[in-house]
Amino acid sequence: MLEPTTLPTARSVSPRHEAPMLTASSGALVPNATTVKPMTTGESPVRAARRAAPATALLINGRADVALAAGCAGVHLTSHGLPAAALRRRFGRALLIGCSTHRPEEVEAARQNGADYAIFGPVFATPSKAAFGPPPGLDGLARAVGHGLPVIAIGGIDPGRVPPISA
């Protein structure tokens, strides 16, 4: 199984934003990425991720059955999807399990339910995440990280915001 300590260098692949995300993830923002969580709508997520990053571990959104069948490292759960605790009971440590979170207390709940990591955000305002309410900012991110679970920050992050987030 992939160790959770490799997760801070995770990256996502999205066909809608492939060029900027791949440019950022190929060295400018996240060097030496070891994990990919594909975000696809038009093609097989496994095919998209293997095409974009053939030597990395793959995480599949919400489908533990697909992750296992495709030999992927794990599954990523949305904030309104399957509970991490149910998948952890069913699959033990055979799958890496991550959870989307939007508030620091959700990171704690993910940890208590057996998640290996949390994606947290949006940290800063971004149009695609406006439905989640006001962003918690760096203070909220600091509280989220304080729960002892590896956290990947997303939302409104540009190159100028990487240093304070990485601190």
Foldseek 3Di string as FASTA:
>chain_A
DDALVLPQLEFEAEPVCHVVRLVCSPPVPRHPRAEYEYDYDPDPSVVRCCVSPVRHAYEYEQDQPVCVVVVGQAYEYEPPGDQLLVVCVVPPNSHAYEYEDEFLVVLLVNVVSPHQEYEYDQQQDDVVCPVSPHHVHPVRLVSNVVSPHHYHYDHPDDSVNSVSSVD
